[in-house]
């Protein structure tokens, strides 16, 4: 199974950034632009046969929304 690709939209002192594994993927002037980029990257990961995820944060750093593209593995007990 392909690894999950997680893209997070976060506010920094330099503006909004999309990050993957704490590495900056892109920078944006607005939250809306940043979220659109994270969603696009998540969808692209799915279209390549993997699982993509966009984690959209509020300005205070809390998660506002998560979007997963592709089938999540079933949960197992334990």
N, C-alpha and C. Protein backbone atom coordinates (compact mmCIF):
# COMPACT_ATOMS: atom_id res chain seq x y z
N UNK A 1 0.84 -1.17 0.00
CA UNK A 1 0.00 0.00 0.00
C UNK A 1 0.89 1.24 0.00
N UNK A 2 0.46 2.23 -0.74
CA UNK A 2 1.21 3.49 -0.82
C UNK A 2 1.09 4.26 0.49
N UNK A 3 2.12 4.98 0.83
CA UNK A 3 2.13 5.76 2.06
C UNK A 3 1.19 6.96 1.94
N UNK A 4 0.64 7.36 3.06
CA UNK A 4 -0.23 8.53 3.11
C UNK A 4 0.63 9.79 2.97
N UNK A 5 0.21 10.68 2.10
CA UNK A 5 0.88 11.96 1.89
C UNK A 5 0.04 13.03 2.59
N UNK A 6 0.57 13.64 3.65
CA UNK A 6 -0.18 14.60 4.45
C UNK A 6 0.37 16.01 4.19
N UNK A 7 -0.53 16.90 3.78
CA UNK A 7 -0.17 18.30 3.52
C UNK A 7 -0.94 19.17 4.51
N UNK A 8 -0.23 20.00 5.25
CA UNK A 8 -0.84 20.83 6.27
C UNK A 8 -0.73 22.31 5.90
N UNK A 9 -1.85 23.03 6.06
CA UNK A 9 -1.83 24.48 5.87
C UNK A 9 -1.64 25.11 7.25
N UNK A 10 -0.57 25.89 7.41
CA UNK A 10 -0.27 26.47 8.71
C UNK A 10 0.11 27.95 8.57
N UNK A 11 -0.23 28.73 9.59
CA UNK A 11 0.14 30.14 9.64
C UNK A 11 1.47 30.27 10.36
N UNK A 12 2.39 30.99 9.75
CA UNK A 12 3.68 31.29 10.36
C UNK A 12 3.85 32.80 10.42
N UNK A 13 4.91 33.27 11.01
CA UNK A 13 5.13 34.72 11.04
C UNK A 13 5.43 35.27 9.66
N UNK A 14 5.75 34.37 8.72
CA UNK A 14 6.02 34.78 7.34
C UNK A 14 4.82 34.63 6.42
N UNK A 15 3.67 34.23 6.96
CA UNK A 15 2.48 34.02 6.15
C UNK A 15 2.03 32.57 6.21
N UNK A 16 1.17 32.18 5.30
CA UNK A 16 0.64 30.82 5.26
C UNK A 16 1.55 29.91 4.46
N UNK A 17 1.74 28.68 4.96
CA UNK A 17 2.60 27.71 4.28
C UNK A 17 1.92 26.36 4.22
N UNK A 18 2.19 25.63 3.14
CA UNK A 18 1.83 24.22 3.05
C UNK A 18 3.08 23.45 3.42
N UNK A 19 2.92 22.52 4.36
CA UNK A 19 4.05 21.71 4.82
C UNK A 19 3.75 20.23 4.68
N UNK A 20 4.79 19.48 4.38
CA UNK A 20 4.73 18.02 4.33
C UNK A 20 5.91 17.53 5.15
N UNK A 21 5.64 16.80 6.21
CA UNK A 21 6.69 16.31 7.10
C UNK A 21 7.58 17.45 7.60
N UNK A 22 6.97 18.54 8.00
CA UNK A 22 7.64 19.73 8.54
C UNK A 22 8.47 20.50 7.52
N UNK A 23 8.45 20.07 6.26
CA UNK A 23 9.19 20.78 5.21
C UNK A 23 8.21 21.66 4.45
N UNK A 24 8.63 22.88 4.14
CA UNK A 24 7.78 23.82 3.42
C UNK A 24 7.68 23.39 1.96
N UNK A 25 6.45 23.21 1.50
CA UNK A 25 6.18 22.85 0.12
C UNK A 25 5.88 24.11 -0.70
N UNK A 26 5.10 25.03 -0.11
CA UNK A 26 4.78 26.29 -0.79
C UNK A 26 4.38 27.34 0.23
N UNK A 27 4.47 28.61 -0.17
CA UNK A 27 4.10 29.74 0.69
C UNK A 27 3.01 30.56 0.00
N UNK A 28 2.11 31.15 0.81
CA UNK A 28 0.95 31.85 0.26
C UNK A 28 0.64 33.09 1.09
N UNK A 29 0.03 34.08 0.45
CA UNK A 29 -0.33 35.32 1.13
C UNK A 29 -1.59 35.18 1.97
N UNK A 30 -2.50 34.28 1.55
CA UNK A 30 -3.77 34.15 2.26
C UNK A 30 -4.04 32.71 2.67
N UNK A 31 -4.90 32.56 3.67
CA UNK A 31 -5.30 31.24 4.14
C UNK A 31 -6.03 30.49 3.02
N UNK A 32 -6.88 31.18 2.31
CA UNK A 32 -7.66 30.55 1.23
C UNK A 32 -6.75 29.97 0.15
N UNK A 33 -5.73 30.71 -0.25
CA UNK A 33 -4.77 30.21 -1.26
C UNK A 33 -4.02 29.00 -0.73
N UNK A 34 -3.63 29.07 0.53
CA UNK A 34 -2.86 27.99 1.14
C UNK A 34 -3.69 26.71 1.23
N UNK A 35 -4.94 26.84 1.66
CA UNK A 35 -5.81 25.68 1.76
C UNK A 35 -6.07 25.06 0.39
N UNK A 36 -6.26 25.90 -0.62
CA UNK A 36 -6.47 25.39 -1.97
C UNK A 36 -5.26 24.58 -2.45
N UNK A 37 -4.07 25.06 -2.13
CA UNK A 37 -2.84 24.36 -2.53
C UNK A 37 -2.72 23.02 -1.80
N UNK A 38 -3.02 23.00 -0.50
CA UNK A 38 -2.95 21.75 0.28
C UNK A 38 -3.95 20.73 -0.26
N UNK A 39 -5.15 21.18 -0.58
CA UNK A 39 -6.18 20.29 -1.12
C UNK A 39 -5.74 19.74 -2.48
N UNK A 40 -5.20 20.60 -3.32
CA UNK A 40 -4.74 20.17 -4.64
C UNK A 40 -3.63 19.12 -4.52
N UNK A 41 -2.70 19.32 -3.60
CA UNK A 41 -1.61 18.35 -3.40
C UNK A 41 -2.15 17.03 -2.86
N UNK A 42 -3.12 17.08 -1.95
CA UNK A 42 -3.73 15.86 -1.43
C UNK A 42 -4.43 15.07 -2.52
N UNK A 43 -5.15 15.77 -3.36
CA UNK A 43 -5.84 15.10 -4.48
C UNK A 43 -4.84 14.50 -5.46
N UNK A 44 -3.75 15.22 -5.72
CA UNK A 44 -2.74 14.74 -6.65
C UNK A 44 -2.09 13.45 -6.13
N UNK A 45 -1.87 13.37 -4.83
CA UNK A 45 -1.30 12.14 -4.24
C UNK A 45 -2.25 10.97 -4.47
N UNK A 46 -3.55 11.22 -4.32
CA UNK A 46 -4.55 10.17 -4.56
C UNK A 46 -4.56 9.76 -6.03
N UNK A 47 -4.50 10.72 -6.92
CA UNK A 47 -4.53 10.42 -8.35
C UNK A 47 -3.32 9.61 -8.79
N UNK A 48 -2.24 9.68 -8.02
CA UNK A 48 -1.03 8.89 -8.32
C UNK A 48 -1.11 7.50 -7.71
N UNK A 49 -2.27 7.17 -7.09
CA UNK A 49 -2.46 5.82 -6.56
C UNK A 49 -2.25 5.69 -5.07
N UNK A 50 -2.02 6.77 -4.37
CA UNK A 50 -1.80 6.71 -2.93
C UNK A 50 -2.98 7.25 -2.15
N UNK A 51 -2.72 7.58 -0.91
CA UNK A 51 -3.70 8.24 -0.06
C UNK A 51 -3.19 9.65 0.20
N UNK A 52 -4.02 10.64 -0.09
CA UNK A 52 -3.65 12.03 0.14
C UNK A 52 -4.50 12.61 1.25
N UNK A 53 -3.93 13.55 1.98
CA UNK A 53 -4.68 14.18 3.06
C UNK A 53 -4.29 15.65 3.16
N UNK A 54 -5.32 16.50 3.30
CA UNK A 54 -5.11 17.93 3.54
C UNK A 54 -5.60 18.22 4.95
N UNK A 55 -4.71 18.75 5.79
CA UNK A 55 -5.06 19.13 7.16
C UNK A 55 -5.04 20.65 7.18
N UNK A 56 -6.23 21.24 7.37
CA UNK A 56 -6.39 22.68 7.29
C UNK A 56 -6.49 23.26 8.69
N UNK A 57 -5.55 24.14 9.02
CA UNK A 57 -5.47 24.72 10.36
C UNK A 57 -6.09 26.11 10.40
N UNK A 58 -6.59 26.49 11.56
CA UNK A 58 -7.03 27.85 11.83
C UNK A 58 -5.78 28.70 12.12
N UNK A 59 -5.97 30.00 12.20
CA UNK A 59 -4.85 30.90 12.50
C UNK A 59 -4.23 30.61 13.86
N UNK A 60 -5.03 30.07 14.81
CA UNK A 60 -4.50 29.78 16.15
C UNK A 60 -3.78 28.43 16.22
N UNK A 61 -3.70 27.72 15.10
CA UNK A 61 -2.96 26.46 15.06
C UNK A 61 -3.82 25.22 15.25
N UNK A 62 -5.06 25.37 15.68
CA UNK A 62 -5.93 24.19 15.83
C UNK A 62 -6.42 23.72 14.47
N UNK A 63 -6.77 22.45 14.39
CA UNK A 63 -7.24 21.89 13.13
C UNK A 63 -8.69 22.29 12.91
N UNK A 64 -8.95 22.86 11.76
CA UNK A 64 -10.31 23.25 11.38
C UNK A 64 -10.99 22.15 10.61
N UNK A 65 -10.23 21.46 9.76
CA UNK A 65 -10.81 20.45 8.89
C UNK A 65 -9.73 19.52 8.38
N UNK A 66 -10.10 18.26 8.16
CA UNK A 66 -9.21 17.29 7.53
C UNK A 66 -9.95 16.69 6.34
N UNK A 67 -9.25 16.57 5.24
CA UNK A 67 -9.83 15.95 4.05
C UNK A 67 -8.91 14.83 3.60
N UNK A 68 -9.48 13.65 3.45
CA UNK A 68 -8.70 12.49 3.03
C UNK A 68 -9.16 12.06 1.65
N UNK A 69 -8.21 11.80 0.77
CA UNK A 69 -8.49 11.38 -0.59
C UNK A 69 -7.93 9.98 -0.77
N UNK A 70 -8.79 9.05 -1.11
CA UNK A 70 -8.42 7.65 -1.22
C UNK A 70 -9.03 6.88 -0.07
N UNK A 71 -8.88 5.59 -0.11
CA UNK A 71 -9.51 4.76 0.90
C UNK A 71 -8.60 4.59 2.11
N UNK A 72 -9.11 5.01 3.27
CA UNK A 72 -8.39 4.79 4.53
C UNK A 72 -8.38 3.30 4.82
N UNK A 73 -7.27 2.78 5.36
CA UNK A 73 -7.27 1.38 5.76
C UNK A 73 -8.28 1.17 6.88
N UNK A 74 -8.86 -0.03 6.93
CA UNK A 74 -9.82 -0.32 7.97
C UNK A 74 -9.12 -0.34 9.33
N UNK A 75 -9.85 0.12 10.35
CA UNK A 75 -9.30 0.11 11.71
C UNK A 75 -9.32 -1.32 12.23
N UNK A 76 -8.29 -1.63 12.98
CA UNK A 76 -8.23 -2.95 13.60
C UNK A 76 -8.21 -2.78 15.11
N UNK A 77 -8.79 -3.71 15.84
CA UNK A 77 -8.79 -3.59 17.30
C UNK A 77 -7.37 -3.65 17.86
N UNK A 78 -7.19 -2.96 18.96
CA UNK A 78 -5.90 -3.09 19.62
C UNK A 78 -5.25 -1.82 19.82
